[in-house]
N, C-alpha and C. Protein backbone atom coordinates (compact mmCIF):
# COMPACT_ATOMS: atom_id res chain seq x y z
N UNK A 1 -35.25 -97.89 74.30
CA UNK A 1 -34.11 -98.81 74.35
C UNK A 1 -34.64 -100.24 74.44
N UNK A 2 -33.91 -101.13 73.83
CA UNK A 2 -34.29 -102.54 73.83
C UNK A 2 -33.35 -103.32 74.74
N UNK A 3 -33.90 -103.92 75.77
CA UNK A 3 -33.12 -104.81 76.65
C UNK A 3 -33.04 -106.18 76.01
N UNK A 4 -32.03 -106.95 76.40
CA UNK A 4 -31.95 -108.30 75.86
C UNK A 4 -31.25 -109.24 76.84
N UNK A 5 -31.47 -110.52 76.62
CA UNK A 5 -30.87 -111.57 77.43
C UNK A 5 -29.83 -112.35 76.63
N UNK A 6 -29.31 -111.74 75.58
CA UNK A 6 -28.41 -112.46 74.68
C UNK A 6 -27.17 -112.98 75.41
N UNK A 7 -26.51 -112.15 76.19
CA UNK A 7 -25.30 -112.59 76.89
C UNK A 7 -25.61 -113.78 77.81
N UNK A 8 -26.68 -113.66 78.55
CA UNK A 8 -27.10 -114.73 79.46
C UNK A 8 -27.32 -116.05 78.72
N UNK A 9 -28.09 -116.00 77.65
CA UNK A 9 -28.40 -117.22 76.90
C UNK A 9 -27.17 -117.76 76.18
N UNK A 10 -26.35 -116.87 75.66
CA UNK A 10 -25.13 -117.30 74.95
C UNK A 10 -24.17 -118.00 75.90
N UNK A 11 -23.94 -117.42 77.06
CA UNK A 11 -23.00 -118.03 78.00
C UNK A 11 -23.56 -119.32 78.59
N UNK A 12 -24.87 -119.36 78.79
CA UNK A 12 -25.50 -120.59 79.28
C UNK A 12 -25.28 -121.75 78.31
N UNK A 13 -25.25 -121.40 77.02
CA UNK A 13 -25.05 -122.42 75.99
C UNK A 13 -23.56 -122.69 75.74
N UNK A 14 -22.69 -121.93 76.41
CA UNK A 14 -21.25 -122.14 76.28
C UNK A 14 -20.65 -121.61 74.99
N UNK A 15 -21.27 -120.59 74.42
CA UNK A 15 -20.80 -120.04 73.15
C UNK A 15 -20.05 -118.73 73.36
N UNK A 16 -19.01 -118.54 72.58
CA UNK A 16 -18.33 -117.24 72.54
C UNK A 16 -19.16 -116.30 71.66
N UNK A 17 -18.83 -115.03 71.71
CA UNK A 17 -19.50 -114.08 70.81
C UNK A 17 -19.22 -114.44 69.36
N UNK A 18 -18.00 -114.86 69.08
CA UNK A 18 -17.63 -115.27 67.72
C UNK A 18 -18.49 -116.44 67.25
N UNK A 19 -18.63 -117.45 68.10
CA UNK A 19 -19.42 -118.63 67.74
C UNK A 19 -20.89 -118.28 67.53
N UNK A 20 -21.43 -117.46 68.42
CA UNK A 20 -22.84 -117.05 68.30
C UNK A 20 -23.05 -116.27 67.01
N UNK A 21 -22.14 -115.37 66.69
CA UNK A 21 -22.25 -114.61 65.46
C UNK A 21 -22.22 -115.50 64.23
N UNK A 22 -21.31 -116.47 64.23
CA UNK A 22 -21.19 -117.37 63.09
C UNK A 22 -22.49 -118.16 62.88
N UNK A 23 -23.13 -118.56 63.97
CA UNK A 23 -24.37 -119.33 63.87
C UNK A 23 -25.50 -118.57 63.18
N UNK A 24 -25.50 -117.24 63.34
CA UNK A 24 -26.58 -116.44 62.76
C UNK A 24 -26.12 -115.54 61.61
N UNK A 25 -24.84 -115.65 61.24
CA UNK A 25 -24.35 -114.92 60.07
C UNK A 25 -23.96 -113.48 60.30
N UNK A 26 -23.51 -113.15 61.51
CA UNK A 26 -23.03 -111.79 61.79
C UNK A 26 -21.66 -111.87 62.46
N UNK A 27 -21.03 -110.74 62.63
CA UNK A 27 -19.70 -110.69 63.24
C UNK A 27 -19.78 -110.76 64.77
N UNK A 28 -18.63 -111.03 65.37
CA UNK A 28 -18.52 -110.99 66.83
C UNK A 28 -18.85 -109.60 67.34
N UNK A 29 -18.44 -108.58 66.59
CA UNK A 29 -18.69 -107.21 66.99
C UNK A 29 -20.18 -106.90 67.05
N UNK A 30 -20.95 -107.46 66.12
CA UNK A 30 -22.39 -107.24 66.13
C UNK A 30 -23.01 -107.85 67.38
N UNK A 31 -22.60 -109.07 67.71
CA UNK A 31 -23.11 -109.72 68.93
C UNK A 31 -22.74 -108.87 70.15
N UNK A 32 -21.51 -108.41 70.20
CA UNK A 32 -21.06 -107.58 71.32
C UNK A 32 -21.89 -106.30 71.43
N UNK A 33 -22.14 -105.65 70.32
CA UNK A 33 -22.92 -104.41 70.34
C UNK A 33 -24.37 -104.64 70.75
N UNK A 34 -24.94 -105.77 70.35
CA UNK A 34 -26.30 -106.10 70.79
C UNK A 34 -26.31 -106.32 72.30
N UNK A 35 -25.36 -107.08 72.80
CA UNK A 35 -25.29 -107.36 74.23
C UNK A 35 -25.13 -106.09 75.06
N UNK A 36 -24.38 -105.11 74.53
CA UNK A 36 -24.16 -103.84 75.25
C UNK A 36 -25.26 -102.81 74.99
N UNK A 37 -26.30 -103.22 74.25
CA UNK A 37 -27.43 -102.35 73.92
C UNK A 37 -27.01 -101.15 73.08
N UNK A 38 -25.99 -101.33 72.25
CA UNK A 38 -25.54 -100.27 71.34
C UNK A 38 -26.11 -100.45 69.94
N UNK A 39 -26.73 -101.59 69.70
CA UNK A 39 -27.25 -101.90 68.38
C UNK A 39 -28.55 -102.68 68.53
N UNK A 40 -29.56 -102.23 67.82
CA UNK A 40 -30.85 -102.91 67.83
C UNK A 40 -30.93 -103.76 66.56
N UNK A 41 -31.02 -105.08 66.71
CA UNK A 41 -30.99 -105.95 65.53
C UNK A 41 -32.25 -105.83 64.68
N UNK A 42 -32.11 -106.19 63.42
CA UNK A 42 -33.27 -106.24 62.54
C UNK A 42 -34.22 -107.33 63.03
N UNK A 43 -35.43 -107.29 62.55
CA UNK A 43 -36.40 -108.33 62.90
C UNK A 43 -35.87 -109.70 62.48
N UNK A 44 -35.28 -109.77 61.30
CA UNK A 44 -34.74 -111.04 60.81
C UNK A 44 -33.66 -111.58 61.73
N UNK A 45 -32.73 -110.71 62.15
CA UNK A 45 -31.66 -111.16 63.04
C UNK A 45 -32.22 -111.53 64.41
N UNK A 46 -33.16 -110.76 64.91
CA UNK A 46 -33.78 -111.09 66.20
C UNK A 46 -34.42 -112.47 66.15
N UNK A 47 -35.09 -112.76 65.04
CA UNK A 47 -35.74 -114.07 64.89
C UNK A 47 -34.70 -115.20 64.79
N UNK A 48 -33.60 -114.96 64.09
CA UNK A 48 -32.54 -115.96 63.99
C UNK A 48 -31.93 -116.24 65.36
N UNK A 49 -31.67 -115.18 66.12
CA UNK A 49 -31.10 -115.35 67.45
C UNK A 49 -32.05 -116.10 68.37
N UNK A 50 -33.31 -115.71 68.36
CA UNK A 50 -34.29 -116.39 69.21
C UNK A 50 -34.39 -117.86 68.85
N UNK A 51 -34.39 -118.15 67.58
CA UNK A 51 -34.46 -119.55 67.12
C UNK A 51 -33.24 -120.32 67.58
N UNK A 52 -32.07 -119.72 67.46
CA UNK A 52 -30.83 -120.38 67.86
C UNK A 52 -30.81 -120.72 69.35
N UNK A 53 -31.42 -119.87 70.15
CA UNK A 53 -31.42 -120.08 71.60
C UNK A 53 -32.73 -120.68 72.12
N UNK A 54 -33.57 -121.13 71.20
CA UNK A 54 -34.82 -121.82 71.54
C UNK A 54 -35.73 -121.01 72.46
N UNK A 55 -35.86 -119.73 72.16
CA UNK A 55 -36.76 -118.86 72.91
C UNK A 55 -37.58 -118.05 71.92
N UNK A 56 -38.65 -117.45 72.40
CA UNK A 56 -39.43 -116.53 71.57
C UNK A 56 -38.71 -115.19 71.53
N UNK A 57 -38.93 -114.43 70.47
CA UNK A 57 -38.27 -113.13 70.32
C UNK A 57 -38.53 -112.25 71.54
N UNK A 58 -39.76 -112.24 72.05
CA UNK A 58 -40.06 -111.38 73.20
C UNK A 58 -39.48 -111.92 74.51
N UNK A 59 -38.95 -113.12 74.50
CA UNK A 59 -38.22 -113.64 75.66
C UNK A 59 -36.74 -113.25 75.59
N UNK A 60 -36.28 -112.92 74.40
CA UNK A 60 -34.90 -112.52 74.20
C UNK A 60 -34.75 -111.00 74.23
N UNK A 61 -35.69 -110.30 73.63
CA UNK A 61 -35.66 -108.84 73.55
C UNK A 61 -36.91 -108.25 74.18
N UNK A 62 -36.74 -107.13 74.90
CA UNK A 62 -37.88 -106.46 75.52
C UNK A 62 -37.66 -104.95 75.44
N UNK A 63 -38.65 -104.24 74.97
CA UNK A 63 -38.60 -102.78 74.90
C UNK A 63 -38.87 -102.21 76.29
N UNK A 64 -37.97 -101.35 76.79
CA UNK A 64 -38.14 -100.82 78.14
C UNK A 64 -38.78 -99.43 78.18
N UNK A 65 -39.08 -98.85 77.03
CA UNK A 65 -39.78 -97.58 76.99
C UNK A 65 -38.92 -96.35 77.20
N UNK A 66 -37.65 -96.50 77.43
CA UNK A 66 -36.76 -95.34 77.65
C UNK A 66 -35.94 -95.04 76.42
């Protein structure tokens, strides 16, 4: 399973799920599913999200081994 800090970083920046999705070209539902750990984003999407929130990919996503 892949853990992530997307919700934390998104809310810190004052963005809704809809706004965050629009910034990286995905739906609000995709952002919601990533935040709930129901969807593992592609490498390309992970890189777009990390860039948008000014963090490295491994600071946004972490594999927990389970």
